[in-house]
Amino acid sequence: MQQDKEKKKLGIFVDDANMFYAQRKAGMRIDYTRLKNQLNQYFDVRFVNYHIVMPASWDKSYTASVSYKNTLPPFITVYEKLLKYIKVKNPDGTHSLQKKGDIDMELALDVLRNLDTLDAVLVLAGDSDYVALRNDVLHKGKKIAFASFDQTVSWEIKTGKYVSLSRFMSETQTPDLSAGRLLQEIWYSNVAVMSSNAGDKAKPNKRTP
């Protein structure tokens, strides 16, 4: 078993914007301590880098965002990006602010900066924009997988190495079921694709943006 050998070095990268909506739609919340413990059984988890977009202090969502950030476990390193506010003109002639806060690029660059020190990468996101990152990491000879909830993961991500958080955050999971064990299998046991519906063909996700 993997834990009896030298553990592979694993880096975890979290896209908060992606996972916030995924958790809300799934009706579940990620327990990062529990997930890290599952992974630590099989891997040497070097870090958990958490990328989050923070609103301006005058934004009504600011207090809630700060409160949530403060609840994250101490082993998580948080990288903040300021939310962008774009003034747009409405059809009736009035103006409003459009919010923009994608962090795909920041997370991808973070992965590539750390890749030389890792054997494998786990990205908590299900957005198809990360397919380019997946291809680049694989081209460099490293392992990469994505973890998200089945309700929101894109079909492009699900056709690769994918871990279903819908499984591993469930209170009814069996004791021998862990995200670490699954990653070991899909990366080092020649298993093509594993998810909550292992063996099924991935279907296009018709979710709205």
C-alpha atoms as a PDB file:
ATOM      1  CA  MET A   1       0.000   0.000   0.000  1.00  0.00           C
ATOM      2  CA  GLN A   2       1.095   3.581  -0.636  1.00  0.00           C
ATOM      3  CA  GLN A   3       1.423   4.435   3.054  1.00  0.00           C
ATOM      4  CA  ASP A   4       4.029   1.659   3.453  1.00  0.00           C
ATOM      5  CA  LYS A   5       6.282   3.269   0.844  1.00  0.00           C
ATOM      6  CA  GLU A   6       7.732   6.737   0.486  1.00  0.00           C
ATOM      7  CA  LYS A   7       4.726   8.980   0.076  1.00  0.00           C
ATOM      8  CA  LYS A   8       4.352  11.061  -3.078  1.00  0.00           C
ATOM      9  CA  LYS A   9       4.496  14.825  -2.578  1.00  0.00           C
ATOM     10  CA  LEU A  10       1.046  16.351  -3.132  1.00  0.00           C
ATOM     11  CA  GLY A  11       0.024  19.996  -3.470  1.00  0.00           C
ATOM     12  CA  ILE A  12      -3.624  21.038  -3.091  1.00  0.00           C
ATOM     13  CA  PHE A  13      -5.019  24.133  -4.793  1.00  0.00           C
ATOM     14  CA  VAL A  14      -8.522  25.472  -4.103  1.00  0.00           C
ATOM     15  CA  ASP A  15     -10.594  27.776  -6.318  1.00  0.00           C
ATOM     16  CA  ASP A  16     -12.895  29.380  -3.747  1.00  0.00           C
ATOM     17  CA  ALA A  17     -15.194  31.044  -6.283  1.00  0.00           C
ATOM     18  CA  ASN A  18     -15.764  27.739  -8.058  1.00  0.00           C
ATOM     19  CA  MET A  19     -16.230  25.716  -4.893  1.00  0.00           C
ATOM     20  CA  PHE A  20     -18.521  28.259  -3.207  1.00  0.00           C
ATOM     21  CA  TYR A  21     -21.217  27.814  -5.829  1.00  0.00           C
ATOM     22  CA  ALA A  22     -20.550  24.082  -6.137  1.00  0.00           C
ATOM     23  CA  GLN A  23     -21.082  23.575  -2.397  1.00  0.00           C
ATOM     24  CA  ARG A  24     -24.235  25.667  -2.412  1.00  0.00           C
ATOM     25  CA  LYS A  25     -25.737  23.708  -5.304  1.00  0.00           C
ATOM     26  CA  ALA A  26     -24.743  20.360  -3.803  1.00  0.00           C
ATOM     27  CA  GLY A  27     -26.125  21.314  -0.399  1.00  0.00           C
ATOM     28  CA  MET A  28     -22.870  20.200   1.221  1.00  0.00           C
ATOM     29  CA  ARG A  29     -19.842  21.875   2.740  1.00  0.00           C
ATOM     30  CA  ILE A  30     -16.230  20.843   2.395  1.00  0.00           C
ATOM     31  CA  ASP A  31     -14.528  19.817   5.601  1.00  0.00           C
ATOM     32  CA  TYR A  32     -10.936  20.663   4.693  1.00  0.00           C
ATOM     33  CA  THR A  33      -9.484  19.061   7.806  1.00  0.00           C
ATOM     34  CA  ARG A  34     -11.265  15.810   7.073  1.00  0.00           C
ATOM     35  CA  LEU A  35     -10.204  15.888   3.423  1.00  0.00           C
ATOM     36  CA  LYS A  36      -6.566  16.586   4.316  1.00  0.00           C
ATOM     37  CA  ASN A  37      -6.578  13.729   6.821  1.00  0.00           C
ATOM     38  CA  GLN A  38      -7.884  11.364   4.135  1.00  0.00           C
ATOM     39  CA  LEU A  39      -5.151  12.454   1.743  1.00  0.00           C
ATOM     40  CA  ASN A  40      -2.384  12.347   4.362  1.00  0.00           C
ATOM     41  CA  GLN A  41      -2.902   8.625   4.794  1.00  0.00           C
ATOM     42  CA  TYR A  42      -1.504   8.049   1.298  1.00  0.00           C
ATOM     43  CA  PHE A  43       0.390  11.226   0.357  1.00  0.00           C
ATOM     44  CA  ASP A  44       2.813  13.750   1.757  1.00  0.00           C
ATOM     45  CA  VAL A  45       0.534  16.792   1.599  1.00  0.00           C
ATOM     46  CA  ARG A  46       2.973  19.686   1.308  1.00  0.00           C
ATOM     47  CA  PHE A  47       0.440  22.521   1.400  1.00  0.00           C
ATOM     48  CA  VAL A  48      -3.109  23.649   0.716  1.00  0.00           C
ATOM     49  CA  ASN A  49      -3.184  26.923  -1.245  1.00  0.00           C
ATOM     50  CA  TYR A  50      -6.558  28.614  -1.171  1.00  0.00           C
ATOM     51  CA  HIS A  51      -7.362  31.276  -3.776  1.00  0.00           C
ATOM     52  CA  ILE A  52     -10.180  33.626  -2.850  1.00  0.00           C
ATOM     53  CA  VAL A  53     -11.627  36.847  -4.255  1.00  0.00           C
ATOM     54  CA  MET A  54     -12.276  39.433  -1.558  1.00  0.00           C
ATOM     55  CA  PRO A  55     -14.826  42.252  -1.949  1.00  0.00           C
ATOM     56  CA  ALA A  56     -14.054  45.855  -1.052  1.00  0.00           C
ATOM     57  CA  SER A  57     -14.645  46.873   2.555  1.00  0.00           C
ATOM     58  CA  TRP A  58     -17.698  48.919   1.539  1.00  0.00           C
ATOM     59  CA  ASP A  59     -19.335  45.935  -0.172  1.00  0.00           C
ATOM     60  CA  LYS A  60     -22.175  44.397   1.850  1.00  0.00           C
ATOM     61  CA  SER A  61     -20.645  40.952   1.322  1.00  0.00           C
ATOM     62  CA  TYR A  62     -17.311  41.973   2.847  1.00  0.00           C
ATOM     63  CA  THR A  63     -18.085  41.007   6.459  1.00  0.00           C
ATOM     64  CA  ALA A  64     -19.372  37.572   5.490  1.00  0.00           C
ATOM     65  CA  SER A  65     -16.320  36.959   3.288  1.00  0.00           C
ATOM     66  CA  VAL A  66     -13.921  37.866   6.089  1.00  0.00           C
ATOM     67  CA  SER A  67     -15.829  35.708   8.568  1.00  0.00           C
ATOM     68  CA  TYR A  68     -15.680  32.733   6.216  1.00  0.00           C
ATOM     69  CA  LYS A  69     -11.965  33.219   5.533  1.00  0.00           C
ATOM     70  CA  ASN A  70     -11.315  33.252   9.289  1.00  0.00           C
ATOM     71  CA  THR A  71     -13.003  29.863   9.693  1.00  0.00           C
ATOM     72  CA  LEU A  72     -10.530  28.121   7.389  1.00  0.00           C
ATOM     73  CA  PRO A  73      -8.129  25.730   9.165  1.00  0.00           C
ATOM     74  CA  PRO A  74      -4.679  27.140  10.050  1.00  0.00           C
ATOM     75  CA  PHE A  75      -2.844  24.760   7.694  1.00  0.00           C
ATOM     76  CA  ILE A  76      -4.421  26.532   4.696  1.00  0.00           C
ATOM     77  CA  THR A  77      -2.496  29.367   3.023  1.00  0.00           C
ATOM     78  CA  VAL A  78      -4.902  31.984   1.670  1.00  0.00           C
ATOM     79  CA  TYR A  79      -4.150  34.029  -1.441  1.00  0.00           C
ATOM     80  CA  GLU A  80      -6.469  36.991  -1.902  1.00  0.00           C
ATOM     81  CA  LYS A  81      -7.467  38.804  -5.071  1.00  0.00           C
ATOM     82  CA  LEU A  82      -9.509  41.991  -4.936  1.00  0.00           C
ATOM     83  CA  LEU A  83     -12.936  41.801  -6.494  1.00  0.00           C
ATOM     84  CA  LYS A  84     -13.197  44.022  -9.555  1.00  0.00           C
ATOM     85  CA  TYR A  85     -16.131  46.419  -9.924  1.00  0.00           C
ATOM     86  CA  ILE A  86     -17.067  47.496 -13.440  1.00  0.00           C
ATOM     87  CA  LYS A  87     -19.464  50.362 -14.005  1.00  0.00           C
ATOM     88  CA  VAL A  88     -22.023  49.441 -16.667  1.00  0.00           C
ATOM     89  CA  LYS A  89     -24.870  51.409 -18.215  1.00  0.00           C
ATOM     90  CA  ASN A  90     -28.296  49.793 -18.023  1.00  0.00           C
ATOM     91  CA  PRO A  91     -30.876  49.920 -20.861  1.00  0.00           C
ATOM     92  CA  ASP A  92     -32.898  52.481 -18.884  1.00  0.00           C
ATOM     93  CA  GLY A  93     -29.940  54.860 -18.735  1.00  0.00           C
ATOM     94  CA  THR A  94     -29.022  54.173 -15.112  1.00  0.00           C
ATOM     95  CA  HIS A  95     -25.683  52.754 -14.035  1.00  0.00           C
ATOM     96  CA  SER A  96     -24.797  49.755 -11.904  1.00  0.00           C
ATOM     97  CA  LEU A  97     -21.710  47.864 -10.828  1.00  0.00           C
ATOM     98  CA  GLN A  98     -20.843  44.525 -12.353  1.00  0.00           C
ATOM     99  CA  LYS A  99     -18.641  42.288 -10.222  1.00  0.00           C
ATOM    100  CA  LYS A 100     -15.809  40.249 -11.735  1.00  0.00           C
ATOM    101  CA  GLY A 101     -13.601  37.930  -9.735  1.00  0.00           C
ATOM    102  CA  ASP A 102     -12.182  35.008 -11.684  1.00  0.00           C
ATOM    103  CA  ILE A 103      -9.039  33.449 -10.201  1.00  0.00           C
ATOM    104  CA  ASP A 104      -8.369  30.729 -12.791  1.00  0.00           C
ATOM    105  CA  MET A 105      -5.166  32.393 -13.970  1.00  0.00           C
ATOM    106  CA  GLU A 106      -3.796  33.007 -10.478  1.00  0.00           C
ATOM    107  CA  LEU A 107      -4.399  29.405  -9.452  1.00  0.00           C
ATOM    108  CA  ALA A 108      -2.912  28.002 -12.657  1.00  0.00           C
ATOM    109  CA  LEU A 109       0.247  30.092 -12.224  1.00  0.00           C
ATOM    110  CA  ASP A 110       0.483  28.950  -8.599  1.00  0.00           C
ATOM    111  CA  VAL A 111       0.361  25.318  -9.719  1.00  0.00           C
ATOM    112  CA  LEU A 112       3.066  25.834 -12.337  1.00  0.00           C
ATOM    113  CA  ARG A 113       5.322  27.741  -9.913  1.00  0.00           C
ATOM    114  CA  ASN A 114       5.209  24.846  -7.434  1.00  0.00           C
ATOM    115  CA  LEU A 115       5.210  21.958  -9.876  1.00  0.00           C
ATOM    116  CA  ASP A 116       8.931  21.178  -9.686  1.00  0.00           C
ATOM    117  CA  THR A 117       8.640  20.459  -5.941  1.00  0.00           C
ATOM    118  CA  LEU A 118       5.635  18.120  -6.284  1.00  0.00           C
ATOM    119  CA  ASP A 119       4.846  14.675  -7.627  1.00  0.00           C
ATOM    120  CA  ALA A 120       1.127  15.330  -7.962  1.00  0.00           C
ATOM    121  CA  VAL A 121      -1.456  18.111  -7.921  1.00  0.00           C
ATOM    122  CA  LEU A 122      -5.062  18.109  -6.708  1.00  0.00           C
ATOM    123  CA  VAL A 123      -7.195  21.064  -7.816  1.00  0.00           C
ATOM    124  CA  LEU A 124     -10.511  21.676  -6.085  1.00  0.00           C
ATOM    125  CA  ALA A 125     -12.515  23.051  -8.990  1.00  0.00           C
ATOM    126  CA  GLY A 126     -14.713  21.694 -11.738  1.00  0.00           C
ATOM    127  CA  ASP A 127     -14.505  24.447 -14.341  1.00  0.00           C
ATOM    128  CA  SER A 128     -13.580  23.462 -17.894  1.00  0.00           C
ATOM    129  CA  ASP A 129     -11.206  26.456 -18.048  1.00  0.00           C
ATOM    130  CA  TYR A 130      -8.707  24.287 -16.164  1.00  0.00           C
ATOM    131  CA  VAL A 131      -8.358  21.769 -19.011  1.00  0.00           C
ATOM    132  CA  ALA A 132      -5.401  23.765 -20.387  1.00  0.00           C
ATOM    133  CA  LEU A 133      -3.693  23.556 -16.979  1.00  0.00           C
ATOM    134  CA  ARG A 134      -4.325  19.815 -16.849  1.00  0.00           C
ATOM    135  CA  ASN A 135      -2.752  19.324 -20.263  1.00  0.00           C
ATOM    136  CA  ASP A 136       0.327  21.358 -19.332  1.00  0.00           C
ATOM    137  CA  VAL A 137       0.877  19.516 -16.037  1.00  0.00           C
ATOM    138  CA  LEU A 138       0.562  16.142 -17.790  1.00  0.00           C
ATOM    139  CA  HIS A 139       2.944  17.294 -20.510  1.00  0.00           C
ATOM    140  CA  LYS A 140       5.499  18.039 -17.801  1.00  0.00           C
ATOM    141  CA  GLY A 141       5.201  14.442 -16.566  1.00  0.00           C
ATOM    142  CA  LYS A 142       3.355  15.169 -13.326  1.00  0.00           C
ATOM    143  CA  LYS A 143       0.088  13.779 -11.956  1.00  0.00           C
ATOM    144  CA  ILE A 144      -3.018  15.963 -11.723  1.00  0.00           C
ATOM    145  CA  ALA A 145      -6.606  15.373 -10.661  1.00  0.00           C
ATOM    146  CA  PHE A 146      -9.624  17.544  -9.937  1.00  0.00           C
ATOM    147  CA  ALA A 147     -12.144  17.334  -7.112  1.00  0.00           C
ATOM    148  CA  SER A 148     -15.618  18.847  -7.146  1.00  0.00           C
ATOM    149  CA  PHE A 149     -19.275  18.015  -6.644  1.00  0.00           C
ATOM    150  CA  ASP A 150     -21.115  15.969  -9.233  1.00  0.00           C
ATOM    151  CA  GLN A 151     -23.863  18.575  -9.583  1.00  0.00           C
ATOM    152  CA  THR A 152     -21.548  21.221 -11.041  1.00  0.00           C
ATOM    153  CA  VAL A 153     -18.414  19.616 -12.476  1.00  0.00           C
ATOM    154  CA  SER A 154     -17.952  20.163 -16.210  1.00  0.00           C
ATOM    155  CA  TRP A 155     -17.902  17.130 -18.451  1.00  0.00           C
ATOM    156  CA  GLU A 156     -14.431  18.094 -19.732  1.00  0.00           C
ATOM    157  CA  ILE A 157     -13.025  17.783 -16.209  1.00  0.00           C
ATOM    158  CA  LYS A 158     -14.963  14.616 -15.453  1.00  0.00           C
ATOM    159  CA  THR A 159     -13.444  12.810 -18.435  1.00  0.00           C
ATOM    160  CA  GLY A 160     -10.021  13.049 -16.807  1.00  0.00           C
ATOM    161  CA  LYS A 161      -8.833  12.100 -13.329  1.00  0.00           C
ATOM    162  CA  TYR A 162     -11.695  13.238 -11.134  1.00  0.00           C
ATOM    163  CA  VAL A 163     -12.599  12.763  -7.472  1.00  0.00           C
ATOM    164  CA  SER A 164     -16.205  13.230  -6.401  1.00  0.00           C
ATOM    165  CA  LEU A 165     -16.482  15.323  -3.252  1.00  0.00           C
ATOM    166  CA  SER A 166     -20.131  14.258  -3.151  1.00  0.00           C
ATOM    167  CA  ARG A 167     -18.745  10.891  -2.063  1.00  0.00           C
ATOM    168  CA  PHE A 168     -16.060  11.913   0.355  1.00  0.00           C
ATOM    169  CA  MET A 169     -17.939  14.616   2.237  1.00  0.00           C
ATOM    170  CA  SER A 170     -20.867  12.271   2.846  1.00  0.00           C
ATOM    171  CA  GLU A 171     -21.466  11.223   6.444  1.00  0.00           C
ATOM    172  CA  THR A 172     -22.472   7.755   5.211  1.00  0.00           C
ATOM    173  CA  GLN A 173     -19.148   6.881   3.592  1.00  0.00           C
ATOM    174  CA  THR A 174     -17.627   3.561   4.607  1.00  0.00           C
ATOM    175  CA  PRO A 175     -14.461   3.590   6.764  1.00  0.00           C
ATOM    176  CA  ASP A 176     -12.273   2.197   3.963  1.00  0.00           C
ATOM    177  CA  LEU A 177     -13.341   4.865   1.482  1.00  0.00           C
ATOM    178  CA  SER A 178     -11.056   7.896   1.315  1.00  0.00           C
ATOM    179  CA  ALA A 179      -9.997  10.483  -1.238  1.00  0.00           C
ATOM    180  CA  GLY A 180      -6.363   9.487  -0.648  1.00  0.00           C
ATOM    181  CA  ARG A 181      -6.994   5.878  -1.485  1.00  0.00           C
ATOM    182  CA  LEU A 182      -8.900   6.809  -4.632  1.00  0.00           C
ATOM    183  CA  LEU A 183      -6.161   9.135  -5.846  1.00  0.00           C
ATOM    184  CA  GLN A 184      -3.592   6.421  -5.256  1.00  0.00           C
ATOM    185  CA  GLU A 185      -5.648   4.068  -7.415  1.00  0.00           C
ATOM    186  CA  ILE A 186      -6.298   6.441 -10.311  1.00  0.00           C
ATOM    187  CA  TRP A 187      -2.689   7.652 -10.437  1.00  0.00           C
ATOM    188  CA  TYR A 188      -0.683   4.548  -9.621  1.00  0.00           C
ATOM    189  CA  SER A 189      -2.886   1.540 -10.375  1.00  0.00           C
ATOM    190  CA  ASN A 190      -3.669   2.191 -14.052  1.00  0.00           C
ATOM    191  CA  VAL A 191      -7.314   3.041 -13.371  1.00  0.00           C
ATOM    192  CA  ALA A 192      -8.556   5.338 -16.139  1.00  0.00           C
ATOM    193  CA  VAL A 193     -11.343   7.335 -14.494  1.00  0.00           C
ATOM    194  CA  MET A 194     -12.849   7.165 -11.030  1.00  0.00           C
ATOM    195  CA  SER A 195     -15.741   9.244  -9.743  1.00  0.00           C
ATOM    196  CA  SER A 196     -19.040   8.716  -7.967  1.00  0.00           C
ATOM    197  CA  ASN A 197     -20.150   6.865 -11.097  1.00  0.00           C
ATOM    198  CA  ALA A 198     -16.965   5.022 -11.960  1.00  0.00           C
ATOM    199  CA  GLY A 199     -17.134   3.412 -15.375  1.00  0.00           C
ATOM    200  CA  ASP A 200     -19.934   5.628 -16.660  1.00  0.00           C
ATOM    201  CA  LYS A 201     -19.336   7.805 -19.674  1.00  0.00           C
ATOM    202  CA  ALA A 202     -19.166  11.467 -18.796  1.00  0.00           C
ATOM    203  CA  LYS A 203     -22.060  13.506 -20.128  1.00  0.00           C
ATOM    204  CA  PRO A 204     -22.105  17.229 -20.951  1.00  0.00           C
ATOM    205  CA  ASN A 205     -23.055  19.352 -17.985  1.00  0.00           C
ATOM    206  CA  LYS A 206     -25.873  21.717 -18.942  1.00  0.00           C
ATOM    207  CA  ARG A 207     -25.457  23.964 -15.914  1.00  0.00           C
ATOM    208  CA  THR A 208     -25.892  27.677 -16.379  1.00  0.00           C
ATOM    209  CA  PRO A 209     -22.816  29.887 -15.940  1.00  0.00           C
END
